[in-house]
């Protein structure tokens, strides 16, 4: 999932470049509609933020359900080492997804500040 998010954050990583290529220079001002291109950039950024947040929250939801199930199984099977190992693995994955949600917030804020 982290690789997918990295690829999906390309638009945010390149926001300054996108702005520089979106706003026409004096020689191209008549050939390009800056309002339209800025609107398209804005919409692309909004779509990217929405889809990334949806993906992260979906992963959190799924992983939370797995953790809950594993905890319930652990209560029934006292000393199952494999079950405990799987539970810890899923809890770590859940924490990672929750931290990705925080990273997403920072990335989004940075992009909107540049765009403003």
PDB file of N, CA and C in Angstrom:
ATOM      1  N   UNK A   1       0.831  -1.201   0.000  1.00  0.00           N
ATOM      2  CA  UNK A   1       0.000   0.000   0.000  1.00  0.00           C
ATOM      3  C   UNK A   1       0.871   1.260   0.000  1.00  0.00           C
ATOM      4  N   UNK A   2       2.006   1.202   0.673  1.00  0.00           N
ATOM      5  CA  UNK A   2       2.856   2.394   0.723  1.00  0.00           C
ATOM      6  C   UNK A   2       3.377   2.762  -0.663  1.00  0.00           C
ATOM      7  N   UNK A   3       3.699   1.765  -1.461  1.00  0.00           N
ATOM      8  CA  UNK A   3       4.165   2.043  -2.822  1.00  0.00           C
ATOM      9  C   UNK A   3       3.044   2.679  -3.646  1.00  0.00           C
ATOM     10  N   UNK A   4       1.837   2.171  -3.493  1.00  0.00           N
ATOM     11  CA  UNK A   4       0.684   2.740  -4.188  1.00  0.00           C
ATOM     12  C   UNK A   4       0.473   4.193  -3.779  1.00  0.00           C
ATOM     13  N   UNK A   5       0.552   4.478  -2.495  1.00  0.00           N
ATOM     14  CA  UNK A   5       0.383   5.847  -2.011  1.00  0.00           C
ATOM     15  C   UNK A   5       1.498   6.760  -2.523  1.00  0.00           C
ATOM     16  N   UNK A   6       2.708   6.233  -2.576  1.00  0.00           N
ATOM     17  CA  UNK A   6       3.834   7.029  -3.088  1.00  0.00           C
ATOM     18  C   UNK A   6       3.574   7.439  -4.535  1.00  0.00           C
ATOM     19  N   UNK A   7       3.115   6.503  -5.333  1.00  0.00           N
ATOM     20  CA  UNK A   7       2.808   6.800  -6.734  1.00  0.00           C
ATOM     21  C   UNK A   7       1.644   7.782  -6.820  1.00  0.00           C
ATOM     22  N   UNK A   8       0.635   7.586  -5.982  1.00  0.00           N
ATOM     23  CA  UNK A   8      -0.533   8.460  -6.012  1.00  0.00           C
ATOM     24  C   UNK A   8      -0.221   9.871  -5.512  1.00  0.00           C
ATOM     25  N   UNK A   9       0.848  10.027  -4.753  1.00  0.00           N
ATOM     26  CA  UNK A   9       1.219  11.350  -4.234  1.00  0.00           C
ATOM     27  C   UNK A   9       2.110  12.132  -5.204  1.00  0.00           C
ATOM     28  N   UNK A  10       2.344  11.612  -6.373  1.00  0.00           N
ATOM     29  CA  UNK A  10       3.193  12.281  -7.353  1.00  0.00           C
ATOM     30  C   UNK A  10       2.689  13.685  -7.660  1.00  0.00           C
ATOM     31  N   UNK A  11       1.395  13.844  -7.809  1.00  0.00           N
ATOM     32  CA  UNK A  11       0.842  15.166  -8.122  1.00  0.00           C
ATOM     33  C   UNK A  11       1.161  16.159  -7.006  1.00  0.00           C
ATOM     34  N   UNK A  12       1.126  15.711  -5.772  1.00  0.00           N
ATOM     35  CA  UNK A  12       1.449  16.591  -4.651  1.00  0.00           C
ATOM     36  C   UNK A  12       2.941  16.902  -4.619  1.00  0.00           C
ATOM     37  N   UNK A  13       3.750  15.905  -4.912  1.00  0.00           N
ATOM     38  CA  UNK A  13       5.201  16.110  -4.903  1.00  0.00           C
ATOM     39  C   UNK A  13       5.644  17.077  -5.999  1.00  0.00           C
ATOM     40  N   UNK A  14       4.879  17.111  -7.063  1.00  0.00           N
ATOM     41  CA  UNK A  14       5.257  17.942  -8.206  1.00  0.00           C
ATOM     42  C   UNK A  14       4.373  19.179  -8.358  1.00  0.00           C
ATOM     43  N   UNK A  15       3.718  19.605  -7.289  1.00  0.00           N
ATOM     44  CA  UNK A  15       2.748  20.703  -7.380  1.00  0.00           C
ATOM     45  C   UNK A  15       3.390  21.995  -7.881  1.00  0.00           C
ATOM     46  N   UNK A  16       4.577  22.318  -7.442  1.00  0.00           N
ATOM     47  CA  UNK A  16       5.242  23.538  -7.894  1.00  0.00           C
ATOM     48  C   UNK A  16       5.537  23.443  -9.392  1.00  0.00           C
ATOM     49  N   UNK A  17       6.029  22.294  -9.814  1.00  0.00           N
ATOM     50  CA  UNK A  17       6.288  22.087 -11.245  1.00  0.00           C
ATOM     51  C   UNK A  17       4.989  22.194 -12.036  1.00  0.00           C
ATOM     52  N   UNK A  18       3.926  21.570 -11.524  1.00  0.00           N
ATOM     53  CA  UNK A  18       2.635  21.632 -12.206  1.00  0.00           C
ATOM     54  C   UNK A  18       2.152  23.072 -12.347  1.00  0.00           C
ATOM     55  N   UNK A  19       2.301  23.842 -11.286  1.00  0.00           N
ATOM     56  CA  UNK A  19       1.895  25.250 -11.363  1.00  0.00           C
ATOM     57  C   UNK A  19       2.737  26.012 -12.383  1.00  0.00           C
ATOM     58  N   UNK A  20       4.032  25.769 -12.380  1.00  0.00           N
ATOM     59  CA  UNK A  20       4.911  26.455 -13.319  1.00  0.00           C
ATOM     60  C   UNK A  20       4.579  26.112 -14.760  1.00  0.00           C
ATOM     61  N   UNK A  21       4.170  24.896 -15.013  1.00  0.00           N
ATOM     62  CA  UNK A  21       3.832  24.509 -16.386  1.00  0.00           C
ATOM     63  C   UNK A  21       2.385  24.841 -16.730  1.00  0.00           C
ATOM     64  N   UNK A  22       1.563  25.076 -15.743  1.00  0.00           N
ATOM     65  CA  UNK A  22       0.155  25.397 -15.977  1.00  0.00           C
ATOM     66  C   UNK A  22      -0.041  26.866 -16.322  1.00  0.00           C
ATOM     67  N   UNK A  23       0.655  27.723 -15.616  1.00  0.00           N
ATOM     68  CA  UNK A  23       0.496  29.161 -15.836  1.00  0.00           C
ATOM     69  C   UNK A  23       1.371  29.554 -17.026  1.00  0.00           C
ATOM     70  N   UNK A  24       0.738  30.073 -18.078  1.00  0.00           N
ATOM     71  CA  UNK A  24       1.499  30.366 -19.294  1.00  0.00           C
ATOM     72  C   UNK A  24       2.410  31.585 -19.141  1.00  0.00           C
ATOM     73  N   UNK A  25       3.513  31.521 -19.861  1.00  0.00           N
ATOM     74  CA  UNK A  25       4.404  32.677 -19.932  1.00  0.00           C
ATOM     75  C   UNK A  25       3.770  33.697 -20.870  1.00  0.00           C
ATOM     76  N   UNK A  26       4.357  34.865 -20.940  1.00  0.00           N
ATOM     77  CA  UNK A  26       3.800  35.941 -21.770  1.00  0.00           C
ATOM     78  C   UNK A  26       3.649  35.511 -23.227  1.00  0.00           C
ATOM     79  N   UNK A  27       4.552  34.721 -23.739  1.00  0.00           N
ATOM     80  CA  UNK A  27       4.488  34.306 -25.137  1.00  0.00           C
ATOM     81  C   UNK A  27       3.371  33.293 -25.417  1.00  0.00           C
ATOM     82  N   UNK A  28       2.903  32.589 -24.382  1.00  0.00           N
ATOM     83  CA  UNK A  28       1.855  31.588 -24.573  1.00  0.00           C
ATOM     84  C   UNK A  28       0.509  32.024 -24.002  1.00  0.00           C
ATOM     85  N   UNK A  29       0.422  33.229 -23.492  1.00  0.00           N
ATOM     86  CA  UNK A  29      -0.788  33.656 -22.797  1.00  0.00           C
ATOM     87  C   UNK A  29      -2.029  33.586 -23.684  1.00  0.00           C
ATOM     88  N   UNK A  30      -1.910  33.818 -24.963  1.00  0.00           N
ATOM     89  CA  UNK A  30      -3.064  33.758 -25.850  1.00  0.00           C
ATOM     90  C   UNK A  30      -3.435  32.350 -26.267  1.00  0.00           C
ATOM     91  N   UNK A  31      -2.534  31.408 -26.121  1.00  0.00           N
ATOM     92  CA  UNK A  31      -2.762  30.040 -26.586  1.00  0.00           C
ATOM     93  C   UNK A  31      -3.326  29.114 -25.511  1.00  0.00           C
ATOM     94  N   UNK A  32      -3.206  29.495 -24.253  1.00  0.00           N
ATOM     95  CA  UNK A  32      -3.630  28.652 -23.139  1.00  0.00           C
ATOM     96  C   UNK A  32      -4.549  29.452 -22.233  1.00  0.00           C
ATOM     97  N   UNK A  33      -5.622  28.816 -21.787  1.00  0.00           N
ATOM     98  CA  UNK A  33      -6.542  29.454 -20.845  1.00  0.00           C
ATOM     99  C   UNK A  33      -6.076  29.109 -19.428  1.00  0.00           C
ATOM    100  N   UNK A  34      -5.408  30.064 -18.747  1.00  0.00           N
ATOM    101  CA  UNK A  34      -4.871  29.753 -17.417  1.00  0.00           C
ATOM    102  C   UNK A  34      -5.961  29.403 -16.404  1.00  0.00           C
ATOM    103  N   UNK A  35      -7.119  30.010 -16.527  1.00  0.00           N
ATOM    104  CA  UNK A  35      -8.212  29.701 -15.602  1.00  0.00           C
ATOM    105  C   UNK A  35      -8.650  28.255 -15.731  1.00  0.00           C
ATOM    106  N   UNK A  36      -8.770  27.792 -16.961  1.00  0.00           N
ATOM    107  CA  UNK A  36      -9.182  26.418 -17.207  1.00  0.00           C
ATOM    108  C   UNK A  36      -8.110  25.430 -16.748  1.00  0.00           C
ATOM    109  N   UNK A  37      -6.860  25.714 -17.043  1.00  0.00           N
ATOM    110  CA  UNK A  37      -5.798  24.797 -16.646  1.00  0.00           C
ATOM    111  C   UNK A  37      -5.635  24.755 -15.125  1.00  0.00           C
ATOM    112  N   UNK A  38      -5.802  25.890 -14.471  1.00  0.00           N
ATOM    113  CA  UNK A  38      -5.744  25.900 -12.999  1.00  0.00           C
ATOM    114  C   UNK A  38      -6.916  25.125 -12.410  1.00  0.00           C
ATOM    115  N   UNK A  39      -8.084  25.279 -13.018  1.00  0.00           N
ATOM    116  CA  UNK A  39      -9.250  24.540 -12.555  1.00  0.00           C
ATOM    117  C   UNK A  39      -9.021  23.039 -12.709  1.00  0.00           C
ATOM    118  N   UNK A  40      -8.441  22.617 -13.824  1.00  0.00           N
ATOM    119  CA  UNK A  40      -8.150  21.201 -14.048  1.00  0.00           C
ATOM    120  C   UNK A  40      -7.128  20.686 -13.034  1.00  0.00           C
ATOM    121  N   UNK A  41      -6.118  21.485 -12.731  1.00  0.00           N
ATOM    122  CA  UNK A  41      -5.127  21.105 -11.724  1.00  0.00           C
ATOM    123  C   UNK A  41      -5.785  20.963 -10.357  1.00  0.00           C
ATOM    124  N   UNK A  42      -6.639  21.921 -10.010  1.00  0.00           N
ATOM    125  CA  UNK A  42      -7.357  21.896  -8.745  1.00  0.00           C
ATOM    126  C   UNK A  42      -8.206  20.620  -8.639  1.00  0.00           C
ATOM    127  N   UNK A  43      -8.945  20.308  -9.712  1.00  0.00           N
ATOM    128  CA  UNK A  43      -9.802  19.123  -9.704  1.00  0.00           C
ATOM    129  C   UNK A  43      -8.981  17.832  -9.616  1.00  0.00           C
ATOM    130  N   UNK A  44      -7.844  17.799 -10.302  1.00  0.00           N
ATOM    131  CA  UNK A  44      -6.964  16.630 -10.223  1.00  0.00           C
ATOM    132  C   UNK A  44      -6.445  16.439  -8.802  1.00  0.00           C
ATOM    133  N   UNK A  45      -6.083  17.536  -8.169  1.00  0.00           N
ATOM    134  CA  UNK A  45      -5.585  17.483  -6.796  1.00  0.00           C
ATOM    135  C   UNK A  45      -6.686  17.009  -5.846  1.00  0.00           C
ATOM    136  N   UNK A  46      -7.874  17.534  -6.018  1.00  0.00           N
ATOM    137  CA  UNK A  46      -9.008  17.116  -5.181  1.00  0.00           C
ATOM    138  C   UNK A  46      -9.292  15.630  -5.360  1.00  0.00           C
ATOM    139  N   UNK A  47      -9.311  15.167  -6.603  1.00  0.00           N
ATOM    140  CA  UNK A  47      -9.563  13.751  -6.875  1.00  0.00           C
ATOM    141  C   UNK A  47      -8.490  12.869  -6.247  1.00  0.00           C
ATOM    142  N   UNK A  48      -7.236  13.287  -6.371  1.00  0.00           N
ATOM    143  CA  UNK A  48      -6.129  12.513  -5.809  1.00  0.00           C
ATOM    144  C   UNK A  48      -6.253  12.425  -4.291  1.00  0.00           C
ATOM    145  N   UNK A  49      -6.552  13.549  -3.649  1.00  0.00           N
ATOM    146  CA  UNK A  49      -6.682  13.562  -2.185  1.00  0.00           C
ATOM    147  C   UNK A  49      -7.845  12.691  -1.732  1.00  0.00           C
ATOM    148  N   UNK A  50      -8.959  12.795  -2.419  1.00  0.00           N
ATOM    149  CA  UNK A  50     -10.142  12.015  -2.053  1.00  0.00           C
ATOM    150  C   UNK A  50      -9.897  10.526  -2.214  1.00  0.00           C
ATOM    151  N   UNK A  51      -9.306  10.136  -3.325  1.00  0.00           N
ATOM    152  CA  UNK A  51      -9.092   8.703  -3.556  1.00  0.00           C
ATOM    153  C   UNK A  51      -8.057   8.123  -2.582  1.00  0.00           C
ATOM    154  N   UNK A  52      -6.999   8.877  -2.296  1.00  0.00           N
ATOM    155  CA  UNK A  52      -5.999   8.378  -1.342  1.00  0.00           C
ATOM    156  C   UNK A  52      -6.606   8.224   0.046  1.00  0.00           C
ATOM    157  N   UNK A  53      -7.365   9.209   0.472  1.00  0.00           N
ATOM    158  CA  UNK A  53      -7.990   9.135   1.799  1.00  0.00           C
ATOM    159  C   UNK A  53      -8.957   7.953   1.869  1.00  0.00           C
ATOM    160  N   UNK A  54      -9.715   7.744   0.803  1.00  0.00           N
ATOM    161  CA  UNK A  54     -10.655   6.627   0.768  1.00  0.00           C
ATOM    162  C   UNK A  54      -9.911   5.292   0.864  1.00  0.00           C
ATOM    163  N   UNK A  55      -8.820   5.160   0.137  1.00  0.00           N
ATOM    164  CA  UNK A  55      -8.032   3.926   0.164  1.00  0.00           C
ATOM    165  C   UNK A  55      -7.462   3.675   1.561  1.00  0.00           C
ATOM    166  N   UNK A  56      -6.894   4.708   2.163  1.00  0.00           N
ATOM    167  CA  UNK A  56      -6.296   4.555   3.498  1.00  0.00           C
ATOM    168  C   UNK A  56      -7.364   4.182   4.522  1.00  0.00           C
ATOM    169  N   UNK A  57      -8.489   4.867   4.500  1.00  0.00           N
ATOM    170  CA  UNK A  57      -9.556   4.575   5.463  1.00  0.00           C
ATOM    171  C   UNK A  57     -10.128   3.178   5.250  1.00  0.00           C
ATOM    172  N   UNK A  58     -10.194   2.745   4.002  1.00  0.00           N
ATOM    173  CA  UNK A  58     -10.668   1.394   3.717  1.00  0.00           C
ATOM    174  C   UNK A  58      -9.700   0.363   4.300  1.00  0.00           C
ATOM    175  N   UNK A  59      -8.410   0.596   4.129  1.00  0.00           N
ATOM    176  CA  UNK A  59      -7.405  -0.311   4.701  1.00  0.00           C
ATOM    177  C   UNK A  59      -7.484  -0.336   6.225  1.00  0.00           C
ATOM    178  N   UNK A  60      -7.664   0.825   6.825  1.00  0.00           N
ATOM    179  CA  UNK A  60      -7.798   0.904   8.283  1.00  0.00           C
ATOM    180  C   UNK A  60      -9.010   0.101   8.742  1.00  0.00           C
ATOM    181  N   UNK A  61     -10.104   0.252   8.033  1.00  0.00           N
ATOM    182  CA  UNK A  61     -11.328  -0.463   8.388  1.00  0.00           C
ATOM    183  C   UNK A  61     -11.142  -1.973   8.284  1.00  0.00           C
ATOM    184  N   UNK A  62     -10.551  -2.422   7.183  1.00  0.00           N
ATOM    185  CA  UNK A  62     -10.334  -3.855   6.995  1.00  0.00           C
ATOM    186  C   UNK A  62      -9.366  -4.420   8.029  1.00  0.00           C
ATOM    187  N   UNK A  63      -8.289  -3.707   8.273  1.00  0.00           N
ATOM    188  CA  UNK A  63      -7.291  -4.173   9.233  1.00  0.00           C
ATOM    189  C   UNK A  63      -7.860  -4.167  10.649  1.00  0.00           C
ATOM    190  N   UNK A  64      -8.668  -3.181  10.969  1.00  0.00           N
ATOM    191  CA  UNK A  64      -9.319  -3.131  12.285  1.00  0.00           C
ATOM    192  C   UNK A  64     -10.214  -4.347  12.496  1.00  0.00           C
ATOM    193  N   UNK A  65     -10.927  -4.715  11.450  1.00  0.00           N
ATOM    194  CA  UNK A  65     -11.800  -5.888  11.541  1.00  0.00           C
ATOM    195  C   UNK A  65     -10.976  -7.157  11.768  1.00  0.00           C
ATOM    196  N   UNK A  66      -9.847  -7.273  11.086  1.00  0.00           N
ATOM    197  CA  UNK A  66      -8.978  -8.439  11.264  1.00  0.00           C
ATOM    198  C   UNK A  66      -8.426  -8.472  12.688  1.00  0.00           C
ATOM    199  N   UNK A  67      -7.985  -7.311  13.187  1.00  0.00           N
ATOM    200  CA  UNK A  67      -7.458  -7.229  14.555  1.00  0.00           C
ATOM    201  C   UNK A  67      -8.534  -7.632  15.559  1.00  0.00           C
ATOM    202  N   UNK A  68      -9.735  -7.157  15.361  1.00  0.00           N
ATOM    203  CA  UNK A  68     -10.841  -7.497  16.270  1.00  0.00           C
ATOM    204  C   UNK A  68     -11.091  -9.005  16.277  1.00  0.00           C
ATOM    205  N   UNK A  69     -11.116  -9.591  15.089  1.00  0.00           N
ATOM    206  CA  UNK A  69     -11.333 -11.036  14.981  1.00  0.00           C
ATOM    207  C   UNK A  69     -10.214 -11.813  15.658  1.00  0.00           C
ATOM    208  N   UNK A  70      -8.984 -11.397  15.417  1.00  0.00           N
ATOM    209  CA  UNK A  70      -7.843 -12.087  16.025  1.00  0.00           C
ATOM    210  C   UNK A  70      -7.853 -11.958  17.551  1.00  0.00           C
ATOM    211  N   UNK A  71      -8.268 -10.798  18.050  1.00  0.00           N
ATOM    212  CA  UNK A  71      -8.367 -10.624  19.506  1.00  0.00           C
ATOM    213  C   UNK A  71      -9.413 -11.566  20.092  1.00  0.00           C
ATOM    214  N   UNK A  72     -10.531 -11.706  19.386  1.00  0.00           N
ATOM    215  CA  UNK A  72     -11.578 -12.609  19.857  1.00  0.00           C
ATOM    216  C   UNK A  72     -11.089 -14.054  19.847  1.00  0.00           C
ATOM    217  N   UNK A  73     -10.363 -14.433  18.802  1.00  0.00           N
ATOM    218  CA  UNK A  73      -9.812 -15.789  18.725  1.00  0.00           C
ATOM    219  C   UNK A  73      -8.773 -16.018  19.820  1.00  0.00           C
ATOM    220  N   UNK A  74      -8.007 -14.987  20.112  1.00  0.00           N
ATOM    221  CA  UNK A  74      -6.961 -15.101  21.133  1.00  0.00           C
ATOM    222  C   UNK A  74      -7.573 -15.334  22.512  1.00  0.00           C
ATOM    223  N   UNK A  75      -8.713 -14.699  22.783  1.00  0.00           N
ATOM    224  CA  UNK A  75      -9.374 -14.896  24.071  1.00  0.00           C
ATOM    225  C   UNK A  75      -9.819 -16.352  24.242  1.00  0.00           C
ATOM    226  N   UNK A  76     -10.175 -16.994  23.127  1.00  0.00           N
ATOM    227  CA  UNK A  76     -10.623 -18.391  23.184  1.00  0.00           C
ATOM    228  C   UNK A  76      -9.439 -19.353  23.278  1.00  0.00           C
ATOM    229  N   UNK A  77      -8.366 -19.048  22.564  1.00  0.00           N
ATOM    230  CA  UNK A  77      -7.168 -19.912  22.558  1.00  0.00           C
ATOM    231  C   UNK A  77      -6.074 -19.200  23.338  1.00  0.00           C
ATOM    232  N   UNK A  78      -5.871 -19.632  24.567  1.00  0.00           N
ATOM    233  CA  UNK A  78      -4.984 -18.926  25.500  1.00  0.00           C
ATOM    234  C   UNK A  78      -3.572 -18.679  24.982  1.00  0.00           C
ATOM    235  N   UNK A  79      -2.828 -19.716  24.736  1.00  0.00           N
ATOM    236  CA  UNK A  79      -1.399 -19.567  24.447  1.00  0.00           C
ATOM    237  C   UNK A  79      -1.036 -19.997  23.031  1.00  0.00           C
ATOM    238  N   UNK A  80      -1.720 -19.520  22.055  1.00  0.00           N
ATOM    239  CA  UNK A  80      -1.422 -19.850  20.658  1.00  0.00           C
ATOM    240  C   UNK A  80      -0.406 -18.834  20.135  1.00  0.00           C
ATOM    241  N   UNK A  81       0.839 -19.259  20.023  1.00  0.00           N
ATOM    242  CA  UNK A  81       1.929 -18.355  19.626  1.00  0.00           C
ATOM    243  C   UNK A  81       1.742 -17.833  18.204  1.00  0.00           C
ATOM    244  N   UNK A  82       1.286 -18.682  17.309  1.00  0.00           N
ATOM    245  CA  UNK A  82       1.079 -18.257  15.916  1.00  0.00           C
ATOM    246  C   UNK A  82      -0.018 -17.201  15.834  1.00  0.00           C
ATOM    247  N   UNK A  83      -1.054 -17.389  16.610  1.00  0.00           N
ATOM    248  CA  UNK A  83      -2.155 -16.426  16.635  1.00  0.00           C
ATOM    249  C   UNK A  83      -1.685 -15.090  17.206  1.00  0.00           C
ATOM    250  N   UNK A  84      -0.902 -15.141  18.258  1.00  0.00           N
ATOM    251  CA  UNK A  84      -0.367 -13.930  18.866  1.00  0.00           C
ATOM    252  C   UNK A  84       0.548 -13.192  17.882  1.00  0.00           C
ATOM    253  N   UNK A  85       1.358 -13.945  17.171  1.00  0.00           N
ATOM    254  CA  UNK A  85       2.257 -13.353  16.178  1.00  0.00           C
ATOM    255  C   UNK A  85       1.453 -12.657  15.073  1.00  0.00           C
ATOM    256  N   UNK A  86       0.406 -13.316  14.596  1.00  0.00           N
ATOM    257  CA  UNK A  86      -0.444 -12.733  13.553  1.00  0.00           C
ATOM    258  C   UNK A  86      -1.150 -11.478  14.071  1.00  0.00           C
ATOM    259  N   UNK A  87      -1.607 -11.513  15.310  1.00  0.00           N
ATOM    260  CA  UNK A  87      -2.267 -10.353  15.911  1.00  0.00           C
ATOM    261  C   UNK A  87      -1.314  -9.167  15.979  1.00  0.00           C
ATOM    262  N   UNK A  88      -0.113  -9.392  16.422  1.00  0.00           N
ATOM    263  CA  UNK A  88       0.882  -8.309  16.504  1.00  0.00           C
ATOM    264  C   UNK A  88       1.198  -7.738  15.124  1.00  0.00           C
ATOM    265  N   UNK A  89       1.293  -8.625  14.151  1.00  0.00           N
ATOM    266  CA  UNK A  89       1.558  -8.190  12.775  1.00  0.00           C
ATOM    267  C   UNK A  89       0.431  -7.283  12.270  1.00  0.00           C
ATOM    268  N   UNK A  90      -0.793  -7.681  12.508  1.00  0.00           N
ATOM    269  CA  UNK A  90      -1.952  -6.889  12.059  1.00  0.00           C
ATOM    270  C   UNK A  90      -2.061  -5.577  12.836  1.00  0.00           C
ATOM    271  N   UNK A  91      -1.725  -5.598  14.135  1.00  0.00           N
ATOM    272  CA  UNK A  91      -1.743  -4.361  14.916  1.00  0.00           C
ATOM    273  C   UNK A  91      -0.694  -3.381  14.397  1.00  0.00           C
ATOM    274  N   UNK A  92       0.464  -3.896  14.027  1.00  0.00           N
ATOM    275  CA  UNK A  92       1.515  -3.043  13.464  1.00  0.00           C
ATOM    276  C   UNK A  92       1.053  -2.445  12.139  1.00  0.00           C
ATOM    277  N   UNK A  93       0.413  -3.265  11.319  1.00  0.00           N
ATOM    278  CA  UNK A  93      -0.116  -2.791  10.038  1.00  0.00           C
ATOM    279  C   UNK A  93      -1.173  -1.708  10.266  1.00  0.00           C
ATOM    280  N   UNK A  94      -2.009  -1.886  11.260  1.00  0.00           N
ATOM    281  CA  UNK A  94      -3.043  -0.903  11.584  1.00  0.00           C
ATOM    282  C   UNK A  94      -2.413   0.427  12.000  1.00  0.00           C
ATOM    283  N   UNK A  95      -1.393   0.369  12.831  1.00  0.00           N
ATOM    284  CA  UNK A  95      -0.703   1.598  13.256  1.00  0.00           C
ATOM    285  C   UNK A  95      -0.056   2.291  12.062  1.00  0.00           C
ATOM    286  N   UNK A  96       0.499   1.521  11.164  1.00  0.00           N
ATOM    287  CA  UNK A  96       1.108   2.079   9.959  1.00  0.00           C
ATOM    288  C   UNK A  96       0.064   2.796   9.107  1.00  0.00           C
ATOM    289  N   UNK A  97      -1.092   2.197   8.942  1.00  0.00           N
ATOM    290  CA  UNK A  97      -2.166   2.813   8.153  1.00  0.00           C
ATOM    291  C   UNK A  97      -2.667   4.095   8.824  1.00  0.00           C
ATOM    292  N   UNK A  98      -2.761   4.070  10.144  1.00  0.00           N
ATOM    293  CA  UNK A  98      -3.202   5.267  10.864  1.00  0.00           C
ATOM    294  C   UNK A  98      -2.170   6.385  10.724  1.00  0.00           C
ATOM    295  N   UNK A  99      -0.892   6.032  10.722  1.00  0.00           N
ATOM    296  CA  UNK A  99       0.130   7.068  10.532  1.00  0.00           C
ATOM    297  C   UNK A  99       0.115   7.583   9.091  1.00  0.00           C
ATOM    298  N   UNK A 100      -0.233   6.731   8.135  1.00  0.00           N
ATOM    299  CA  UNK A 100      -0.362   7.173   6.741  1.00  0.00           C
ATOM    300  C   UNK A 100      -1.477   8.202   6.608  1.00  0.00           C
ATOM    301  N   UNK A 101      -2.511   8.063   7.402  1.00  0.00           N
ATOM    302  CA  UNK A 101      -3.596   9.051   7.379  1.00  0.00           C
ATOM    303  C   UNK A 101      -3.073  10.406   7.851  1.00  0.00           C
ATOM    304  N   UNK A 102      -2.193  10.421   8.853  1.00  0.00           N
ATOM    305  CA  UNK A 102      -1.580  11.665   9.316  1.00  0.00           C
ATOM    306  C   UNK A 102      -0.644  12.243   8.260  1.00  0.00           C
ATOM    307  N   UNK A 103       0.120  11.379   7.603  1.00  0.00           N
ATOM    308  CA  UNK A 103       1.006  11.828   6.528  1.00  0.00           C
ATOM    309  C   UNK A 103       0.177  12.447   5.408  1.00  0.00           C
ATOM    310  N   UNK A 104      -0.930  11.822   5.102  1.00  0.00           N
ATOM    311  CA  UNK A 104      -1.813  12.320   4.043  1.00  0.00           C
ATOM    312  C   UNK A 104      -2.305  13.732   4.363  1.00  0.00           C
ATOM    313  N   UNK A 105      -2.636  13.964   5.603  1.00  0.00           N
ATOM    314  CA  UNK A 105      -3.091  15.291   6.016  1.00  0.00           C
ATOM    315  C   UNK A 105      -1.991  16.330   5.805  1.00  0.00           C
ATOM    316  N   UNK A 106      -0.779  15.995   6.158  1.00  0.00           N
ATOM    317  CA  UNK A 106       0.356  16.917   5.984  1.00  0.00           C
ATOM    318  C   UNK A 106       0.607  17.183   4.503  1.00  0.00           C
ATOM    319  N   UNK A 107       0.601  16.144   3.698  1.00  0.00           N
ATOM    320  CA  UNK A 107       0.822  16.285   2.252  1.00  0.00           C
ATOM    321  C   UNK A 107      -0.261  17.166   1.636  1.00  0.00           C
ATOM    322  N   UNK A 108      -1.507  16.922   2.008  1.00  0.00           N
ATOM    323  CA  UNK A 108      -2.617  17.720   1.480  1.00  0.00           C
ATOM    324  C   UNK A 108      -2.485  19.186   1.875  1.00  0.00           C
ATOM    325  N   UNK A 109      -2.189  19.440   3.139  1.00  0.00           N
ATOM    326  CA  UNK A 109      -2.032  20.828   3.603  1.00  0.00           C
ATOM    327  C   UNK A 109      -0.926  21.538   2.840  1.00  0.00           C
ATOM    328  N   UNK A 110       0.185  20.866   2.652  1.00  0.00           N
ATOM    329  CA  UNK A 110       1.309  21.469   1.935  1.00  0.00           C
ATOM    330  C   UNK A 110       0.914  21.816   0.508  1.00  0.00           C
ATOM    331  N   UNK A 111       0.208  20.924  -0.167  1.00  0.00           N
ATOM    332  CA  UNK A 111      -0.211  21.171  -1.544  1.00  0.00           C
ATOM    333  C   UNK A 111      -1.178  22.347  -1.631  1.00  0.00           C
ATOM    334  N   UNK A 112      -2.115  22.411  -0.713  1.00  0.00           N
ATOM    335  CA  UNK A 112      -3.083  23.512  -0.766  1.00  0.00           C
ATOM    336  C   UNK A 112      -2.424  24.850  -0.461  1.00  0.00           C
ATOM    337  N   UNK A 113      -1.419  24.858   0.403  1.00  0.00           N
ATOM    338  CA  UNK A 113      -0.705  26.107   0.680  1.00  0.00           C
ATOM    339  C   UNK A 113       0.046  26.585  -0.551  1.00  0.00           C
ATOM    340  N   UNK A 114       0.644  25.659  -1.288  1.00  0.00           N
ATOM    341  CA  UNK A 114       1.348  26.031  -2.513  1.00  0.00           C
ATOM    342  C   UNK A 114       0.372  26.527  -3.562  1.00  0.00           C
ATOM    343  N   UNK A 115      -0.763  25.888  -3.642  1.00  0.00           N
ATOM    344  CA  UNK A 115      -1.771  26.236  -4.653  1.00  0.00           C
ATOM    345  C   UNK A 115      -2.458  27.558  -4.344  1.00  0.00           C
ATOM    346  N   UNK A 116      -2.527  27.920  -3.089  1.00  0.00           N
ATOM    347  CA  UNK A 116      -3.234  29.160  -2.694  1.00  0.00           C
ATOM    348  C   UNK A 116      -2.531  30.407  -3.129  1.00  0.00           C
TER     349      UNK A 116
END
